[in-house]
Protein backbone atom coordinates (compact mmCIF):
# COMPACT_ATOMS: atom_id res chain seq x y z
CA MET A 1 14.44 -4.59 -74.49
CA LYS A 2 12.27 -6.39 -72.52
CA LEU A 3 12.73 -6.21 -68.43
CA ARG A 4 11.57 -9.02 -66.80
CA MET A 5 10.55 -9.09 -63.01
CA ARG A 6 12.06 -11.68 -60.88
CA ALA A 7 9.83 -13.31 -58.32
CA GLY A 8 11.78 -12.21 -55.30
CA ASN A 9 11.54 -8.56 -56.22
CA ALA A 10 7.75 -8.64 -56.50
CA GLY A 11 7.19 -6.42 -53.18
CA PHE A 12 4.46 -6.97 -50.65
CA THR A 13 1.23 -8.19 -51.48
CA LEU A 14 -1.95 -6.77 -49.89
CA ILE A 15 -2.32 -9.88 -47.43
CA GLU A 16 1.14 -9.34 -46.19
CA THR A 17 0.40 -5.52 -45.72
CA MET A 18 -2.88 -6.28 -43.84
CA ILE A 19 -1.15 -8.75 -41.37
CA ALA A 20 1.54 -6.30 -40.80
CA LEU A 21 -1.06 -3.19 -40.07
CA MET A 22 -3.00 -5.73 -37.86
CA ILE A 23 0.28 -6.53 -35.79
CA LEU A 24 1.07 -2.67 -35.55
CA VAL A 25 -2.57 -1.90 -34.44
CA ILE A 26 -2.41 -4.64 -31.64
CA GLY A 27 0.85 -3.21 -30.65
CA ILE A 28 -0.53 0.32 -30.59
CA LEU A 29 -3.57 -0.51 -28.64
CA GLY A 30 -1.29 -2.60 -26.16
CA LEU A 31 0.63 0.36 -25.42
CA ALA A 32 -2.72 2.76 -25.10
CA ALA A 33 -4.10 0.22 -22.47
CA VAL A 34 -0.66 0.43 -20.65
CA LEU A 35 -0.43 4.08 -20.78
CA GLY A 36 -4.40 4.31 -19.50
CA ASN A 37 -3.36 2.06 -16.38
CA GLY A 38 -0.36 4.14 -15.67
CA ILE A 39 -2.48 7.31 -15.69
CA ALA A 40 -5.05 5.64 -13.56
CA TYR A 41 -2.34 4.57 -11.04
CA MET A 42 -0.61 8.10 -11.13
CA ASN A 43 -4.17 9.62 -10.42
CA THR A 44 -4.68 7.67 -7.20
CA ALA A 45 -1.28 8.94 -5.73
CA GLN A 46 -3.09 12.24 -4.14
CA TYR A 47 -5.76 9.70 -2.52
CA ASP A 48 -2.93 7.49 -1.53
CA TYR A 49 -0.76 10.30 0.22
CA ILE A 50 -4.14 11.75 1.78
CA ALA A 51 -4.98 8.40 3.44
CA GLN A 52 -1.28 8.41 4.69
CA GLN A 53 -1.71 11.75 6.41
CA LYS A 54 -5.23 11.15 7.74
CA ALA A 55 -3.72 8.04 9.42
CA SER A 56 -0.93 10.05 10.92
CA GLU A 57 -3.05 12.94 11.82
CA ALA A 58 -5.10 10.20 14.22
CA VAL A 59 -1.91 8.91 15.71
CA GLU A 60 -0.56 12.45 16.47
CA SER A 61 -3.88 13.46 17.97
CA ILE A 62 -3.81 10.39 20.51
CA PHE A 63 -0.07 11.17 21.33
CA THR A 64 -0.96 14.97 21.74
CA ALA A 65 -3.86 14.19 24.36
CA ARG A 66 -1.69 11.62 26.39
CA ASP A 67 1.25 14.40 26.44
CA ILE A 68 -0.67 17.15 27.67
CA GLY A 69 -3.01 15.07 29.99
CA GLN A 70 -6.10 15.39 28.03
CA ALA A 71 -6.73 11.78 27.87
CA THR A 72 -5.27 9.64 30.62
CA TRP A 73 -4.23 6.02 30.14
CA GLY A 74 -7.26 4.27 31.47
CA THR A 75 -8.91 6.15 28.60
CA ILE A 76 -6.66 5.38 25.82
CA CYS A 77 -8.54 2.59 24.09
CA ASN A 78 -11.73 1.71 22.19
CA VAL A 79 -14.97 2.04 24.06
CA GLY A 80 -16.11 -1.01 25.58
CA SER A 81 -13.08 -2.72 24.97
CA ALA A 82 -11.42 -5.07 27.56
CA VAL A 83 -8.13 -3.17 27.30
CA CYS A 84 -9.41 -0.58 29.65
CA THR A 85 -13.02 0.56 31.10
CA GLY A 86 -12.91 4.05 30.39
CA GLY A 87 -12.12 3.97 26.66
CA ILE A 88 -12.75 7.20 24.39
CA PHE A 89 -12.45 6.06 20.77
CA VAL A 90 -15.07 4.86 18.74
CA SER A 91 -15.16 1.41 17.30
CA GLY A 92 -15.35 0.34 13.68
CA ALA A 93 -15.22 2.58 10.55
CA ASN A 94 -16.24 6.10 10.63
CA PRO A 95 -16.03 8.87 8.20
CA LEU A 96 -13.35 11.40 8.59
CA CYS A 97 -14.38 14.17 10.67
CA GLY A 98 -12.18 16.87 12.53
CA ALA A 99 -11.87 16.63 16.07
CA GLY A 100 -14.70 17.71 18.20
CA THR A 101 -14.89 19.58 21.21
CA ASP A 102 -12.33 17.60 23.20
CA GLY A 103 -9.78 18.23 20.41
CA ILE A 104 -9.19 14.54 19.92
CA ILE A 105 -9.78 12.50 16.50
CA GLY A 106 -11.90 9.75 16.60
CA THR A 107 -13.87 10.27 19.89
CA ALA A 108 -17.55 10.20 20.39
CA ASP A 109 -18.03 13.77 20.09
CA ASP A 110 -16.59 13.60 16.46
CA PHE A 111 -19.83 11.83 15.47
CA ASN A 112 -23.34 12.13 15.14
CA GLY A 113 -24.52 8.53 14.32
CA THR A 114 -22.81 7.68 11.26
CA ASN A 115 -22.17 11.40 10.35
CA CYS A 116 -19.92 14.11 11.47
CA ALA A 117 -21.27 15.86 14.35
CA GLY A 118 -21.01 19.19 12.60
CA GLY A 119 -20.16 22.64 13.46
CA THR A 120 -16.61 24.30 12.78
CA LEU A 121 -14.56 22.01 14.99
CA ALA A 122 -16.22 18.30 13.97
CA ALA A 123 -17.17 19.24 10.56
CA ALA A 124 -16.51 16.58 7.74
CA ASP A 125 -12.91 16.50 6.50
CA ALA A 126 -12.31 18.00 3.08
CA ILE A 127 -9.09 19.42 0.99
CA LEU A 128 -9.38 22.91 0.23
CA LEU A 129 -8.40 23.62 -3.57
CA PRO A 130 -7.94 27.04 -5.11
CA GLY A 131 -11.24 28.54 -6.58
CA SER A 132 -12.35 29.59 -9.74
CA SER A 133 -9.92 32.83 -9.69
CA GLY A 134 -7.13 30.44 -9.14
CA ASN A 135 -6.28 31.43 -5.20
CA PHE A 136 -7.56 30.55 -1.79
CA SER A 137 -9.79 33.69 -1.20
CA SER A 138 -12.51 31.63 -2.18
CA PRO A 139 -11.49 28.11 -2.08
CA THR A 140 -13.35 24.92 -3.43
CA ARG A 141 -14.08 22.17 -0.83
CA MET A 142 -13.39 18.76 -2.09
CA ALA A 143 -14.95 16.42 0.52
CA LEU A 144 -13.47 13.15 1.31
CA SER A 145 -16.70 11.22 1.51
CA THR A 146 -15.25 8.11 0.27
CA PHE A 147 -12.77 7.94 3.26
CA THR A 148 -13.29 6.08 6.42
CA ARG A 149 -11.12 5.63 9.36
CA THR A 150 -11.04 2.87 11.89
CA ILE A 151 -8.96 3.42 15.22
CA ALA A 152 -8.14 0.38 17.14
CA ILE A 153 -6.05 0.10 20.28
CA ALA A 154 -5.24 -3.25 21.55
CA SER A 155 -3.01 -4.65 24.40
CA VAL A 156 0.64 -5.67 23.69
CA THR A 157 2.11 -8.99 24.94
CA ASP A 158 5.42 -10.14 25.64
CA SER A 159 6.87 -13.42 24.30
CA SER A 160 5.41 -15.56 26.90
CA GLY A 161 2.00 -14.08 26.32
CA ASN A 162 1.84 -11.82 29.31
CA THR A 163 0.30 -8.22 28.80
CA ILE A 164 2.70 -5.45 29.18
CA ASN A 165 0.39 -2.96 31.22
CA ASN A 166 2.34 0.23 29.83
CA LEU A 167 2.17 -0.39 26.14
CA ARG A 168 -0.73 -0.55 23.82
CA GLN A 169 -0.65 -0.75 20.00
CA ILE A 170 -2.39 1.71 17.99
CA THR A 171 -3.74 0.63 14.47
CA VAL A 172 -5.39 3.10 12.19
CA THR A 173 -6.78 1.94 9.06
CA ILE A 174 -8.01 4.23 6.24
CA ASN A 175 -10.38 2.75 3.52
CA TYR A 176 -11.25 4.61 0.54
CA SER A 177 -11.71 4.54 -3.40
CA ALA A 178 -9.59 6.30 -5.93
CA GLY A 179 -11.18 6.52 -9.14
CA ASN A 180 -11.72 3.16 -10.72
CA PHE A 181 -9.70 1.46 -7.99
CA LYS A 182 -12.24 0.47 -5.16
CA ASN A 183 -11.49 -0.85 -1.60
CA ARG A 184 -8.01 0.85 -1.26
CA LYS A 185 -6.52 0.61 2.27
CA TYR A 186 -4.00 2.13 4.12
CA VAL A 187 -2.75 0.89 7.65
CA LEU A 188 -0.59 2.69 10.07
CA ASN A 189 0.51 0.97 13.23
CA ALA A 190 2.12 2.58 16.36
CA TYR A 191 2.67 1.93 19.74
CA ILE A 192 1.91 4.10 22.75
CA SER A 193 3.29 3.99 26.46
CA ASN A 194 2.00 5.19 29.28
CA PHE A 195 4.87 7.69 29.57
CA SER A 196 5.31 10.49 27.64
């Protein structure tokens, strides 16, 4: 007895198998690229959180200085601005530094030119991580050298365009790089009044 194969039961040819493998490889490579981008975005989350906290820290420093009388209404503006004559906050993007001797973040005593003034109070900001022993007895400093902070204080106007004398807008902008993502920005807007 002879068995005959029908043309419909011949199975896959080599060309069909190669095409199927190519499609499978393209799909797997696409999935790997999406996974890689997802991991990269996930790694930026800690930098995004740091930026958010550093912007909040600056605003809280300004409110605290006003509330305890360390900064008067006539000094809560940028140096050389038209908002007030005795401004204490440095204009432009500056490195993240701790508060200087006045205890207020973003003022002239925090900086020495373009760098942090140094010392224990106004040293460059860093995140402390557990050391090689796994605890904080000898922590590792992760410098926040890719971060800059801009504090801009502006007048607020009403719907008629008149300046509201007892209200100002604080805009804190944190610029930073996180991994492959350059020129990231976090902006925090707040309003401060003459009254605490």
